[in-house]
């Protein structure tokens, strides 16, 4: 449900897409990586947000993810850089 899910702000404007989930050593999802901005992958930015901040909303039988931030908030946040096992 979460991977590749669209993320919306409180005004129901699309702000991004979940592109990855970060799991701790206990197997709990702690962060969601949300891709914001860009067109066809150019100019996009990945931002990690606390998983607990994502809420599931439902209407007319459809579920979607809501984050209490705007697209501009996410664009201003630090970019998420994925580390490979050789970088750890």
C-alpha atoms as a PDB file:
ATOM      1  CA  UNK A   1       0.000   0.000   0.000  1.00  0.00           C
ATOM      2  CA  UNK A   2       2.793   2.442   0.807  1.00  0.00           C
ATOM      3  CA  UNK A   3       5.455   1.829  -1.848  1.00  0.00           C
ATOM      4  CA  UNK A   4       4.768   3.984  -4.941  1.00  0.00           C
ATOM      5  CA  UNK A   5       1.771   5.527  -3.158  1.00  0.00           C
ATOM      6  CA  UNK A   6       0.952   9.158  -3.886  1.00  0.00           C
ATOM      7  CA  UNK A   7       1.290  11.542  -0.949  1.00  0.00           C
ATOM      8  CA  UNK A   8      -1.002  14.549  -0.507  1.00  0.00           C
ATOM      9  CA  UNK A   9      -1.005  17.565   1.793  1.00  0.00           C
ATOM     10  CA  UNK A  10      -3.941  18.568   4.005  1.00  0.00           C
ATOM     11  CA  UNK A  11      -5.438  20.578   1.111  1.00  0.00           C
ATOM     12  CA  UNK A  12      -5.509  17.342  -0.959  1.00  0.00           C
ATOM     13  CA  UNK A  13      -2.780  18.589  -3.319  1.00  0.00           C
ATOM     14  CA  UNK A  14      -0.353  15.912  -4.496  1.00  0.00           C
ATOM     15  CA  UNK A  15       3.093  16.551  -3.048  1.00  0.00           C
ATOM     16  CA  UNK A  16       5.028  13.437  -4.015  1.00  0.00           C
ATOM     17  CA  UNK A  17       5.350   9.671  -4.267  1.00  0.00           C
ATOM     18  CA  UNK A  18       6.788   7.169  -1.778  1.00  0.00           C
ATOM     19  CA  UNK A  19       9.877   5.717  -3.459  1.00  0.00           C
ATOM     20  CA  UNK A  20      11.377   3.766  -0.565  1.00  0.00           C
ATOM     21  CA  UNK A  21      10.827   2.735   3.038  1.00  0.00           C
ATOM     22  CA  UNK A  22      13.558   2.691   5.683  1.00  0.00           C
ATOM     23  CA  UNK A  23      13.441  -0.157   8.181  1.00  0.00           C
ATOM     24  CA  UNK A  24      15.282  -0.341  11.507  1.00  0.00           C
ATOM     25  CA  UNK A  25      17.098  -3.407  12.877  1.00  0.00           C
ATOM     26  CA  UNK A  26      13.852  -4.634  14.471  1.00  0.00           C
ATOM     27  CA  UNK A  27      12.039  -4.643  11.133  1.00  0.00           C
ATOM     28  CA  UNK A  28       9.922  -1.573  11.893  1.00  0.00           C
ATOM     29  CA  UNK A  29       9.422   1.044   9.182  1.00  0.00           C
ATOM     30  CA  UNK A  30      10.831   4.299  10.557  1.00  0.00           C
ATOM     31  CA  UNK A  31      11.037   6.605   7.536  1.00  0.00           C
ATOM     32  CA  UNK A  32       9.422   6.982   4.134  1.00  0.00           C
ATOM     33  CA  UNK A  33      11.387   8.423   1.239  1.00  0.00           C
ATOM     34  CA  UNK A  34       9.148  10.775  -0.737  1.00  0.00           C
ATOM     35  CA  UNK A  35      10.125  11.983  -4.202  1.00  0.00           C
ATOM     36  CA  UNK A  36       9.048  15.592  -4.814  1.00  0.00           C
ATOM     37  CA  UNK A  37       9.253  17.928  -7.764  1.00  0.00           C
ATOM     38  CA  UNK A  38      10.763  17.264 -11.114  1.00  0.00           C
ATOM     39  CA  UNK A  39       9.357  16.280 -14.454  1.00  0.00           C
ATOM     40  CA  UNK A  40      10.024  12.812 -15.823  1.00  0.00           C
ATOM     41  CA  UNK A  41      12.683  12.305 -13.157  1.00  0.00           C
ATOM     42  CA  UNK A  42      14.573  15.530 -13.935  1.00  0.00           C
ATOM     43  CA  UNK A  43      14.873  17.919 -10.998  1.00  0.00           C
ATOM     44  CA  UNK A  44      13.274  15.560  -8.529  1.00  0.00           C
ATOM     45  CA  UNK A  45      14.401  15.396  -4.938  1.00  0.00           C
ATOM     46  CA  UNK A  46      14.064  12.562  -2.447  1.00  0.00           C
ATOM     47  CA  UNK A  47      13.234  13.545   1.132  1.00  0.00           C
ATOM     48  CA  UNK A  48      13.008  11.221   4.144  1.00  0.00           C
ATOM     49  CA  UNK A  49      10.009  11.860   6.397  1.00  0.00           C
ATOM     50  CA  UNK A  50       9.114  10.062   9.633  1.00  0.00           C
ATOM     51  CA  UNK A  51       6.805   7.171   8.779  1.00  0.00           C
ATOM     52  CA  UNK A  52       4.620   8.013  11.784  1.00  0.00           C
ATOM     53  CA  UNK A  53       3.830  11.388  10.157  1.00  0.00           C
ATOM     54  CA  UNK A  54       2.042   9.715   7.225  1.00  0.00           C
ATOM     55  CA  UNK A  55      -1.684   9.250   7.735  1.00  0.00           C
ATOM     56  CA  UNK A  56      -4.031   7.091   5.690  1.00  0.00           C
ATOM     57  CA  UNK A  57      -7.158   8.933   4.546  1.00  0.00           C
ATOM     58  CA  UNK A  58     -10.169   7.346   2.874  1.00  0.00           C
ATOM     59  CA  UNK A  59     -12.931   8.703   0.722  1.00  0.00           C
ATOM     60  CA  UNK A  60     -15.320   6.979  -1.672  1.00  0.00           C
ATOM     61  CA  UNK A  61     -13.600   3.655  -1.065  1.00  0.00           C
ATOM     62  CA  UNK A  62     -10.143   4.967  -1.991  1.00  0.00           C
ATOM     63  CA  UNK A  63      -7.185   5.261   0.373  1.00  0.00           C
ATOM     64  CA  UNK A  64      -4.296   7.693   0.064  1.00  0.00           C
ATOM     65  CA  UNK A  65      -1.463   9.031   2.196  1.00  0.00           C
ATOM     66  CA  UNK A  66      -1.568  12.468   3.788  1.00  0.00           C
ATOM     67  CA  UNK A  67       1.391  14.374   5.208  1.00  0.00           C
ATOM     68  CA  UNK A  68       0.991  17.514   7.307  1.00  0.00           C
ATOM     69  CA  UNK A  69       3.523  19.377   5.126  1.00  0.00           C
ATOM     70  CA  UNK A  70       3.387  21.145   1.788  1.00  0.00           C
ATOM     71  CA  UNK A  71       5.374  20.417  -1.362  1.00  0.00           C
ATOM     72  CA  UNK A  72       7.367  23.592  -0.641  1.00  0.00           C
ATOM     73  CA  UNK A  73       8.178  22.298   2.875  1.00  0.00           C
ATOM     74  CA  UNK A  74       9.582  19.111   1.361  1.00  0.00           C
ATOM     75  CA  UNK A  75      11.508  21.001  -1.324  1.00  0.00           C
ATOM     76  CA  UNK A  76      13.212  22.997   1.457  1.00  0.00           C
ATOM     77  CA  UNK A  77      14.067  19.866   3.483  1.00  0.00           C
ATOM     78  CA  UNK A  78      17.483  18.215   3.189  1.00  0.00           C
ATOM     79  CA  UNK A  79      17.768  15.729   0.338  1.00  0.00           C
ATOM     80  CA  UNK A  80      17.896  12.051   1.232  1.00  0.00           C
ATOM     81  CA  UNK A  81      21.035  10.316   0.008  1.00  0.00           C
ATOM     82  CA  UNK A  82      20.815   6.538  -0.101  1.00  0.00           C
ATOM     83  CA  UNK A  83      23.903   4.821   1.292  1.00  0.00           C
ATOM     84  CA  UNK A  84      25.131   1.549  -0.118  1.00  0.00           C
ATOM     85  CA  UNK A  85      26.514  -1.168   2.139  1.00  0.00           C
ATOM     86  CA  UNK A  86      30.056  -0.176   1.098  1.00  0.00           C
ATOM     87  CA  UNK A  87      29.424   3.353   2.457  1.00  0.00           C
ATOM     88  CA  UNK A  88      28.293   2.156   5.889  1.00  0.00           C
END
